[in-house]
Amino acid sequence: MAIHEPSRRLMHSVRLKFVQKRVRGRGSRLTNANLSLTSMIDFLVVTVVFLLMTFSASGETPIAKNVTLPKAENALDMVDAPMVAITGSQILVDGTPSGNTRAIEDLKRVQRVDELFNLLKGKRDHWKELRPGKEFPGVVVLQIDQDVQAVVVKSVFQTAAFAGYPNVSFMVNALPRNAAHE
């Protein structure tokens, strides 16, 4: 057995070209990349915390900035129904503009809001097309500022009823049961 000069010999006897290139240091980069687990865990924790903070099981809906809801002791959880909001002089149905309150306020008499009527009637017809044979619940939720004139509330209420929504609920801030008696 001959004595050889000390050097790197590991894997030199393997006759595969890709192994010989790698042993000599002329191989290409590795195809697998290292993944920083710390960054990935940080990202996942932030995402989970965000989702937990924004999740609402009770069906809370966002309230417009200019709307101050009235307070009530006897309140129920939200139902899945079209949301009619009155913000300033504008009437919105699920965020879509559907009328104005100026004419009602100027005339100071109850009248039908045609844009609101047409939009609610369209929603009712669409619901019936999607669920043939089922009875339409006819529920609408009104999100109205506590300072809106009564004639406007009556007009919106009556328009919703004419459009096929006789069951009207008002969105309120719920008071604790014992706080109303203080």
C-alpha atoms as a PDB file:
ATOM      1  CA  MET A   1       0.000   0.000   0.000  1.00  0.00           C
ATOM      2  CA  ALA A   2       1.426   3.275  -1.075  1.00  0.00           C
ATOM      3  CA  ILE A   3       1.635   6.296   1.093  1.00  0.00           C
ATOM      4  CA  HIS A   4      -0.240   9.284  -0.285  1.00  0.00           C
ATOM      5  CA  GLU A   5       0.168  12.935   0.470  1.00  0.00           C
ATOM      6  CA  PRO A   6      -2.590  14.144   2.823  1.00  0.00           C
ATOM      7  CA  SER A   7      -5.457  15.821   0.932  1.00  0.00           C
ATOM      8  CA  ARG A   8      -9.213  15.692   0.481  1.00  0.00           C
ATOM      9  CA  ARG A   9     -10.106  12.293  -0.892  1.00  0.00           C
ATOM     10  CA  LEU A  10     -13.563  11.610   0.407  1.00  0.00           C
ATOM     11  CA  MET A  11     -15.964  10.549  -2.380  1.00  0.00           C
ATOM     12  CA  HIS A  12     -13.250  10.858  -5.132  1.00  0.00           C
ATOM     13  CA  SER A  13     -13.642   7.222  -6.037  1.00  0.00           C
ATOM     14  CA  VAL A  14     -17.344   7.621  -6.923  1.00  0.00           C
ATOM     15  CA  ARG A  15     -17.626   7.691 -10.725  1.00  0.00           C
ATOM     16  CA  LEU A  16     -20.783   9.817 -10.953  1.00  0.00           C
ATOM     17  CA  LYS A  17     -20.144  13.222 -12.579  1.00  0.00           C
ATOM     18  CA  PHE A  18     -22.454  15.262 -10.307  1.00  0.00           C
ATOM     19  CA  VAL A  19     -20.736  13.774  -7.225  1.00  0.00           C
ATOM     20  CA  GLN A  20     -17.268  14.514  -8.602  1.00  0.00           C
ATOM     21  CA  LYS A  21     -18.260  18.126  -9.395  1.00  0.00           C
ATOM     22  CA  ARG A  22     -19.601  18.584  -5.889  1.00  0.00           C
ATOM     23  CA  VAL A  23     -16.450  17.079  -4.328  1.00  0.00           C
ATOM     24  CA  ARG A  24     -14.172  19.346  -6.372  1.00  0.00           C
ATOM     25  CA  GLY A  25     -16.233  22.402  -5.400  1.00  0.00           C
ATOM     26  CA  ARG A  26     -17.607  23.152  -8.854  1.00  0.00           C
ATOM     27  CA  GLY A  27     -21.178  22.049  -8.153  1.00  0.00           C
ATOM     28  CA  SER A  28     -24.205  24.239  -8.578  1.00  0.00           C
ATOM     29  CA  ARG A  29     -26.221  25.752  -5.736  1.00  0.00           C
ATOM     30  CA  LEU A  30     -28.456  23.576  -3.655  1.00  0.00           C
ATOM     31  CA  THR A  31     -32.020  23.368  -4.875  1.00  0.00           C
ATOM     32  CA  ASN A  32     -33.525  23.386  -1.384  1.00  0.00           C
ATOM     33  CA  ALA A  33     -33.591  26.750   0.391  1.00  0.00           C
ATOM     34  CA  ASN A  34     -33.402  27.366   4.077  1.00  0.00           C
ATOM     35  CA  LEU A  35     -36.557  28.806   5.623  1.00  0.00           C
ATOM     36  CA  SER A  36     -36.363  31.081   8.608  1.00  0.00           C
ATOM     37  CA  LEU A  37     -38.849  29.600  11.056  1.00  0.00           C
ATOM     38  CA  THR A  38     -38.723  32.656  13.307  1.00  0.00           C
ATOM     39  CA  SER A  39     -40.098  34.928  10.589  1.00  0.00           C
ATOM     40  CA  MET A  40     -42.749  32.434   9.613  1.00  0.00           C
ATOM     41  CA  ILE A  41     -43.917  31.944  13.213  1.00  0.00           C
ATOM     42  CA  ASP A  42     -44.026  35.720  13.763  1.00  0.00           C
ATOM     43  CA  PHE A  43     -46.160  36.129  10.642  1.00  0.00           C
ATOM     44  CA  LEU A  44     -48.559  33.384  11.688  1.00  0.00           C
ATOM     45  CA  VAL A  45     -48.935  34.755  15.227  1.00  0.00           C
ATOM     46  CA  VAL A  46     -49.716  38.248  13.926  1.00  0.00           C
ATOM     47  CA  THR A  47     -52.265  36.821  11.462  1.00  0.00           C
ATOM     48  CA  VAL A  48     -53.998  34.731  14.133  1.00  0.00           C
ATOM     49  CA  VAL A  49     -54.164  37.657  16.575  1.00  0.00           C
ATOM     50  CA  PHE A  50     -55.600  39.902  13.847  1.00  0.00           C
ATOM     51  CA  LEU A  51     -58.261  37.351  12.941  1.00  0.00           C
ATOM     52  CA  LEU A  52     -59.214  36.819  16.584  1.00  0.00           C
ATOM     53  CA  MET A  53     -59.536  40.566  17.175  1.00  0.00           C
ATOM     54  CA  THR A  54     -61.755  41.102  14.127  1.00  0.00           C
ATOM     55  CA  PHE A  55     -63.931  38.012  14.575  1.00  0.00           C
ATOM     56  CA  SER A  56     -67.409  38.571  15.943  1.00  0.00           C
ATOM     57  CA  ALA A  57     -69.705  35.659  16.733  1.00  0.00           C
ATOM     58  CA  SER A  58     -72.703  37.804  17.648  1.00  0.00           C
ATOM     59  CA  GLY A  59     -73.087  39.331  14.198  1.00  0.00           C
ATOM     60  CA  GLU A  60     -72.001  42.848  15.071  1.00  0.00           C
ATOM     61  CA  THR A  61     -72.149  45.246  12.179  1.00  0.00           C
ATOM     62  CA  PRO A  62     -70.176  48.419  11.729  1.00  0.00           C
ATOM     63  CA  ILE A  63     -72.012  51.606  12.572  1.00  0.00           C
ATOM     64  CA  ALA A  64     -71.638  54.753  10.485  1.00  0.00           C
ATOM     65  CA  LYS A  65     -69.467  57.478  12.032  1.00  0.00           C
ATOM     66  CA  ASN A  66     -72.197  60.097  12.325  1.00  0.00           C
ATOM     67  CA  VAL A  67     -74.842  57.775  13.773  1.00  0.00           C
ATOM     68  CA  THR A  68     -75.582  57.709  17.497  1.00  0.00           C
ATOM     69  CA  LEU A  69     -77.864  54.766  18.165  1.00  0.00           C
ATOM     70  CA  PRO A  70     -80.578  54.996  20.810  1.00  0.00           C
ATOM     71  CA  LYS A  71     -80.214  52.895  23.944  1.00  0.00           C
ATOM     72  CA  ALA A  72     -82.606  50.106  24.897  1.00  0.00           C
ATOM     73  CA  GLU A  73     -82.839  47.596  27.713  1.00  0.00           C
ATOM     74  CA  ASN A  74     -84.678  44.836  25.845  1.00  0.00           C
ATOM     75  CA  ALA A  75     -82.502  43.965  22.859  1.00  0.00           C
ATOM     76  CA  LEU A  76     -81.900  40.857  20.761  1.00  0.00           C
ATOM     77  CA  ASP A  77     -78.902  39.683  18.770  1.00  0.00           C
ATOM     78  CA  MET A  78     -78.597  40.790  15.159  1.00  0.00           C
ATOM     79  CA  VAL A  79     -80.462  38.893  12.462  1.00  0.00           C
ATOM     80  CA  ASP A  80     -79.431  38.320   8.866  1.00  0.00           C
ATOM     81  CA  ALA A  81     -81.516  40.928   7.049  1.00  0.00           C
ATOM     82  CA  PRO A  82     -81.020  43.984   4.837  1.00  0.00           C
ATOM     83  CA  MET A  83     -79.614  46.937   6.794  1.00  0.00           C
ATOM     84  CA  VAL A  84     -81.238  50.314   6.099  1.00  0.00           C
ATOM     85  CA  ALA A  85     -79.117  53.130   7.535  1.00  0.00           C
ATOM     86  CA  ILE A  86     -79.848  56.843   7.641  1.00  0.00           C
ATOM     87  CA  THR A  87     -76.661  58.903   7.820  1.00  0.00           C
ATOM     88  CA  GLY A  88     -77.231  62.626   7.658  1.00  0.00           C
ATOM     89  CA  SER A  89     -79.648  63.083   4.775  1.00  0.00           C
ATOM     90  CA  GLN A  90     -78.681  59.913   2.918  1.00  0.00           C
ATOM     91  CA  ILE A  91     -80.450  56.539   3.049  1.00  0.00           C
ATOM     92  CA  LEU A  92     -78.258  53.449   2.544  1.00  0.00           C
ATOM     93  CA  VAL A  93     -79.243  49.804   2.089  1.00  0.00           C
ATOM     94  CA  ASP A  94     -76.333  47.512   2.947  1.00  0.00           C
ATOM     95  CA  GLY A  95     -73.992  50.427   2.140  1.00  0.00           C
ATOM     96  CA  THR A  96     -75.603  51.235  -1.230  1.00  0.00           C
ATOM     97  CA  PRO A  97     -77.144  54.739  -1.567  1.00  0.00           C
ATOM     98  CA  SER A  98     -80.899  54.400  -1.975  1.00  0.00           C
ATOM     99  CA  GLY A  99     -82.506  57.743  -1.388  1.00  0.00           C
ATOM    100  CA  ASN A 100     -82.446  61.091   0.357  1.00  0.00           C
ATOM    101  CA  THR A 101     -84.360  62.451   3.347  1.00  0.00           C
ATOM    102  CA  ARG A 102     -84.381  66.128   2.318  1.00  0.00           C
ATOM    103  CA  ALA A 103     -87.780  65.984   0.578  1.00  0.00           C
ATOM    104  CA  ILE A 104     -89.373  64.326   3.613  1.00  0.00           C
ATOM    105  CA  GLU A 105     -87.831  66.871   5.996  1.00  0.00           C
ATOM    106  CA  ASP A 106     -88.934  69.806   3.806  1.00  0.00           C
ATOM    107  CA  LEU A 107     -92.549  68.618   3.364  1.00  0.00           C
ATOM    108  CA  LYS A 108     -92.769  67.353   6.976  1.00  0.00           C
ATOM    109  CA  ARG A 109     -95.148  64.576   5.968  1.00  0.00           C
ATOM    110  CA  VAL A 110     -94.840  60.804   5.595  1.00  0.00           C
ATOM    111  CA  GLN A 111     -94.127  59.701   2.039  1.00  0.00           C
ATOM    112  CA  ARG A 112     -92.738  56.707   0.183  1.00  0.00           C
ATOM    113  CA  VAL A 113     -89.015  56.776  -0.716  1.00  0.00           C
ATOM    114  CA  ASP A 114     -89.048  55.392  -4.263  1.00  0.00           C
ATOM    115  CA  GLU A 115     -85.343  54.475  -4.518  1.00  0.00           C
ATOM    116  CA  LEU A 116     -85.501  52.626  -1.197  1.00  0.00           C
ATOM    117  CA  PHE A 117     -88.719  50.880  -2.238  1.00  0.00           C
ATOM    118  CA  ASN A 118     -87.221  49.688  -5.556  1.00  0.00           C
ATOM    119  CA  LEU A 119     -84.002  48.418  -3.944  1.00  0.00           C
ATOM    120  CA  LEU A 120     -85.806  46.529  -1.150  1.00  0.00           C
ATOM    121  CA  LYS A 121     -88.332  45.070  -3.602  1.00  0.00           C
ATOM    122  CA  GLY A 122     -85.427  43.889  -5.797  1.00  0.00           C
ATOM    123  CA  LYS A 123     -83.753  42.249  -2.785  1.00  0.00           C
ATOM    124  CA  ARG A 124     -87.032  40.514  -1.886  1.00  0.00           C
ATOM    125  CA  ASP A 125     -87.497  39.225  -5.447  1.00  0.00           C
ATOM    126  CA  HIS A 126     -83.894  37.993  -5.548  1.00  0.00           C
ATOM    127  CA  TRP A 127     -84.376  36.164  -2.227  1.00  0.00           C
ATOM    128  CA  LYS A 128     -87.507  34.457  -3.579  1.00  0.00           C
ATOM    129  CA  GLU A 129     -85.673  33.401  -6.777  1.00  0.00           C
ATOM    130  CA  LEU A 130     -82.879  31.793  -4.758  1.00  0.00           C
ATOM    131  CA  ARG A 131     -85.255  29.995  -2.363  1.00  0.00           C
ATOM    132  CA  PRO A 132     -88.400  28.976  -4.242  1.00  0.00           C
ATOM    133  CA  GLY A 133     -91.047  27.429  -2.064  1.00  0.00           C
ATOM    134  CA  LYS A 134     -89.767  28.975   1.183  1.00  0.00           C
ATOM    135  CA  GLU A 135     -91.700  31.671   2.986  1.00  0.00           C
ATOM    136  CA  PHE A 136     -90.037  35.107   2.822  1.00  0.00           C
ATOM    137  CA  PRO A 137     -89.239  36.322   6.376  1.00  0.00           C
ATOM    138  CA  GLY A 138     -89.689  40.008   5.492  1.00  0.00           C
ATOM    139  CA  VAL A 139     -87.248  41.312   8.110  1.00  0.00           C
ATOM    140  CA  VAL A 140     -85.304  44.554   7.704  1.00  0.00           C
ATOM    141  CA  VAL A 141     -83.034  46.264  10.254  1.00  0.00           C
ATOM    142  CA  LEU A 142     -83.105  50.052  10.585  1.00  0.00           C
ATOM    143  CA  GLN A 143     -79.920  51.788  11.731  1.00  0.00           C
ATOM    144  CA  ILE A 144     -81.126  55.288  12.474  1.00  0.00           C
ATOM    145  CA  ASP A 145     -79.513  58.108  14.425  1.00  0.00           C
ATOM    146  CA  GLN A 146     -81.404  59.012  17.589  1.00  0.00           C
ATOM    147  CA  ASP A 147     -81.713  62.629  16.368  1.00  0.00           C
ATOM    148  CA  VAL A 148     -83.459  61.824  13.046  1.00  0.00           C
ATOM    149  CA  GLN A 149     -86.903  63.381  12.745  1.00  0.00           C
ATOM    150  CA  ALA A 150     -89.856  61.088  13.441  1.00  0.00           C
ATOM    151  CA  VAL A 151     -91.425  61.801  10.046  1.00  0.00           C
ATOM    152  CA  VAL A 152     -88.296  60.417   8.337  1.00  0.00           C
ATOM    153  CA  VAL A 153     -88.359  57.278  10.520  1.00  0.00           C
ATOM    154  CA  LYS A 154     -92.053  56.752   9.728  1.00  0.00           C
ATOM    155  CA  SER A 155     -91.437  57.226   5.996  1.00  0.00           C
ATOM    156  CA  VAL A 156     -88.580  54.704   5.913  1.00  0.00           C
ATOM    157  CA  PHE A 157     -90.579  52.278   8.093  1.00  0.00           C
ATOM    158  CA  GLN A 158     -93.630  52.548   5.839  1.00  0.00           C
ATOM    159  CA  THR A 159     -91.550  52.250   2.641  1.00  0.00           C
ATOM    160  CA  ALA A 160     -89.964  49.043   3.958  1.00  0.00           C
ATOM    161  CA  ALA A 161     -93.405  47.639   4.759  1.00  0.00           C
ATOM    162  CA  PHE A 162     -94.729  48.516   1.278  1.00  0.00           C
ATOM    163  CA  ALA A 163     -91.684  46.795  -0.268  1.00  0.00           C
ATOM    164  CA  GLY A 164     -92.571  43.519   1.474  1.00  0.00           C
ATOM    165  CA  TYR A 165     -90.673  43.899   4.754  1.00  0.00           C
ATOM    166  CA  PRO A 166     -93.375  44.165   7.449  1.00  0.00           C
ATOM    167  CA  ASN A 167     -91.043  42.961  10.238  1.00  0.00           C
ATOM    168  CA  VAL A 168     -88.860  45.945  11.090  1.00  0.00           C
ATOM    169  CA  SER A 169     -86.175  45.878  13.779  1.00  0.00           C
ATOM    170  CA  PHE A 170     -84.270  48.889  15.057  1.00  0.00           C
ATOM    171  CA  MET A 171     -80.555  48.712  15.767  1.00  0.00           C
ATOM    172  CA  VAL A 172     -79.857  49.998  19.301  1.00  0.00           C
ATOM    173  CA  ASN A 173     -77.108  50.020  21.884  1.00  0.00           C
ATOM    174  CA  ALA A 174     -78.076  47.425  24.482  1.00  0.00           C
ATOM    175  CA  LEU A 175     -78.092  48.548  28.083  1.00  0.00           C
ATOM    176  CA  PRO A 176     -77.482  46.156  30.948  1.00  0.00           C
ATOM    177  CA  ARG A 177     -80.827  45.125  32.462  1.00  0.00           C
ATOM    178  CA  ASN A 178     -80.261  46.911  35.787  1.00  0.00           C
ATOM    179  CA  ALA A 179     -78.790  50.130  34.284  1.00  0.00           C
ATOM    180  CA  ALA A 180     -82.122  51.217  32.774  1.00  0.00           C
ATOM    181  CA  HIS A 181     -83.694  51.549  36.232  1.00  0.00           C
ATOM    182  CA  GLU A 182     -81.033  53.884  37.599  1.00  0.00           C
END
